[in-house]
């Protein structure tokens, strides 16, 4: 990134004949991914313990 930051793209793609039956399961999966992404972002934005900050 031009400002020295980092971009993480987290993507899942579900394909196949059985995906039409996945409704609620995919909603829970999406919620889990979103929770992970939120927690991961917060963790990455914490000051580093390695460099003493």
N, C-alpha and C. Protein backbone atom coordinates (compact mmCIF):
# COMPACT_ATOMS: atom_id res chain seq x y z
N UNK A 1 0.84 -1.17 0.00
CA UNK A 1 0.00 0.00 0.00
C UNK A 1 0.90 1.24 0.00
N UNK A 2 0.47 2.26 -0.67
CA UNK A 2 1.30 3.47 -0.77
C UNK A 2 1.61 4.11 0.59
N UNK A 3 0.69 3.99 1.57
CA UNK A 3 0.91 4.62 2.87
C UNK A 3 1.70 3.73 3.83
N UNK A 4 2.20 2.59 3.34
CA UNK A 4 2.96 1.69 4.17
C UNK A 4 2.10 0.68 4.92
N UNK A 5 0.80 0.71 4.71
CA UNK A 5 -0.10 -0.22 5.38
C UNK A 5 -0.15 -1.56 4.67
N UNK A 6 -1.01 -2.41 5.15
CA UNK A 6 -1.18 -3.74 4.60
C UNK A 6 -2.65 -3.97 4.29
N UNK A 7 -2.93 -4.63 3.19
CA UNK A 7 -4.30 -4.99 2.86
C UNK A 7 -4.42 -6.51 2.85
N UNK A 8 -5.39 -7.00 3.56
CA UNK A 8 -5.68 -8.43 3.57
C UNK A 8 -7.04 -8.63 2.92
N UNK A 9 -7.09 -9.48 1.93
CA UNK A 9 -8.36 -9.84 1.30
C UNK A 9 -8.69 -11.25 1.72
N UNK A 10 -9.82 -11.40 2.40
CA UNK A 10 -10.26 -12.71 2.90
C UNK A 10 -11.52 -13.06 2.12
N UNK A 11 -11.44 -14.16 1.37
CA UNK A 11 -12.55 -14.50 0.50
C UNK A 11 -12.76 -16.01 0.50
N UNK A 12 -14.00 -16.41 0.48
CA UNK A 12 -14.37 -17.81 0.31
C UNK A 12 -15.36 -17.88 -0.83
N UNK A 13 -15.27 -18.92 -1.58
CA UNK A 13 -16.20 -19.12 -2.69
C UNK A 13 -16.70 -20.54 -2.63
N UNK A 14 -18.00 -20.68 -2.44
CA UNK A 14 -18.61 -21.99 -2.36
C UNK A 14 -19.33 -22.25 -3.68
N UNK A 15 -19.00 -23.37 -4.30
CA UNK A 15 -19.62 -23.72 -5.57
C UNK A 15 -20.04 -25.19 -5.53
N UNK A 16 -20.88 -25.54 -6.44
CA UNK A 16 -21.30 -26.94 -6.56
C UNK A 16 -22.80 -27.09 -6.41
N UNK A 17 -23.26 -28.26 -6.72
CA UNK A 17 -24.70 -28.53 -6.75
C UNK A 17 -25.35 -28.39 -5.38
N UNK A 18 -24.65 -28.73 -4.32
CA UNK A 18 -25.26 -28.72 -2.99
C UNK A 18 -25.31 -27.34 -2.34
N UNK A 19 -24.67 -26.34 -2.93
CA UNK A 19 -24.66 -25.01 -2.32
C UNK A 19 -26.06 -24.40 -2.24
N UNK A 20 -26.98 -24.81 -3.10
CA UNK A 20 -28.34 -24.26 -3.04
C UNK A 20 -29.05 -24.66 -1.76
N UNK A 21 -28.56 -25.69 -1.07
CA UNK A 21 -29.18 -26.15 0.17
C UNK A 21 -28.48 -25.60 1.41
N UNK A 22 -27.51 -24.75 1.23
CA UNK A 22 -26.68 -24.29 2.35
C UNK A 22 -27.18 -23.09 3.11
N UNK A 23 -28.24 -22.45 2.70
CA UNK A 23 -28.79 -21.22 3.27
C UNK A 23 -28.29 -20.81 4.64
N UNK A 24 -28.88 -21.38 5.71
CA UNK A 24 -28.55 -20.97 7.08
C UNK A 24 -27.09 -21.28 7.42
N UNK A 25 -26.56 -22.36 6.89
CA UNK A 25 -25.16 -22.70 7.16
C UNK A 25 -24.25 -21.61 6.61
N UNK A 26 -24.54 -21.11 5.42
CA UNK A 26 -23.71 -20.06 4.84
C UNK A 26 -23.86 -18.75 5.61
N UNK A 27 -25.03 -18.49 6.15
CA UNK A 27 -25.21 -17.29 6.99
C UNK A 27 -24.33 -17.38 8.23
N UNK A 28 -24.30 -18.55 8.87
CA UNK A 28 -23.45 -18.73 10.06
C UNK A 28 -21.97 -18.66 9.67
N UNK A 29 -21.64 -19.23 8.53
CA UNK A 29 -20.26 -19.20 8.07
C UNK A 29 -19.83 -17.76 7.82
N UNK A 30 -20.68 -16.99 7.16
CA UNK A 30 -20.37 -15.58 6.88
C UNK A 30 -20.19 -14.82 8.20
N UNK A 31 -21.06 -15.06 9.17
CA UNK A 31 -20.95 -14.39 10.47
C UNK A 31 -19.62 -14.76 11.14
N UNK A 32 -19.21 -16.01 11.03
CA UNK A 32 -17.93 -16.42 11.59
C UNK A 32 -16.76 -15.74 10.91
N UNK A 33 -16.80 -15.64 9.59
CA UNK A 33 -15.74 -14.95 8.86
C UNK A 33 -15.68 -13.48 9.26
N UNK A 34 -16.84 -12.84 9.38
CA UNK A 34 -16.86 -11.43 9.75
C UNK A 34 -16.32 -11.22 11.16
N UNK A 35 -16.66 -12.13 12.09
CA UNK A 35 -16.13 -12.03 13.44
C UNK A 35 -14.61 -12.21 13.45
N UNK A 36 -14.12 -13.17 12.67
CA UNK A 36 -12.68 -13.37 12.55
C UNK A 36 -12.01 -12.11 12.01
N UNK A 37 -12.57 -11.55 10.93
CA UNK A 37 -11.96 -10.38 10.32
C UNK A 37 -11.91 -9.20 11.28
N UNK A 38 -12.97 -9.00 12.06
CA UNK A 38 -13.01 -7.91 13.03
C UNK A 38 -11.94 -8.12 14.10
N UNK A 39 -11.86 -9.33 14.64
CA UNK A 39 -10.86 -9.63 15.68
C UNK A 39 -9.44 -9.54 15.12
N UNK A 40 -9.24 -10.03 13.91
CA UNK A 40 -7.92 -9.99 13.29
C UNK A 40 -7.47 -8.55 13.05
N UNK A 41 -8.37 -7.71 12.58
CA UNK A 41 -8.06 -6.29 12.36
C UNK A 41 -7.66 -5.62 13.67
N UNK A 42 -8.44 -5.87 14.73
CA UNK A 42 -8.13 -5.29 16.03
C UNK A 42 -6.76 -5.74 16.52
N UNK A 43 -6.47 -7.01 16.35
CA UNK A 43 -5.17 -7.56 16.78
C UNK A 43 -4.03 -6.94 16.00
N UNK A 44 -4.22 -6.80 14.71
CA UNK A 44 -3.16 -6.24 13.86
C UNK A 44 -2.91 -4.76 14.14
N UNK A 45 -3.92 -4.07 14.64
CA UNK A 45 -3.77 -2.64 14.91
C UNK A 45 -3.21 -2.35 16.30
N UNK A 46 -3.02 -3.38 17.12
CA UNK A 46 -2.41 -3.19 18.44
C UNK A 46 -0.93 -2.88 18.27
N UNK A 47 -0.39 -2.08 19.17
CA UNK A 47 1.06 -1.83 19.11
C UNK A 47 1.82 -3.14 19.22
N UNK A 48 2.92 -3.20 18.54
CA UNK A 48 3.73 -4.41 18.52
C UNK A 48 4.45 -4.61 19.85
N UNK A 49 4.44 -5.86 20.32
CA UNK A 49 5.20 -6.19 21.53
C UNK A 49 6.65 -6.48 21.17
N UNK A 50 6.93 -6.71 19.92
CA UNK A 50 8.30 -7.04 19.49
C UNK A 50 9.21 -5.83 19.55
N UNK A 51 8.73 -4.69 19.11
CA UNK A 51 9.61 -3.52 19.05
C UNK A 51 9.50 -2.64 20.31
N UNK A 52 8.81 -3.12 21.34
CA UNK A 52 8.79 -2.42 22.61
C UNK A 52 7.78 -1.31 22.72
N UNK A 53 6.92 -1.13 21.76
CA UNK A 53 5.90 -0.09 21.86
C UNK A 53 4.73 -0.56 22.67
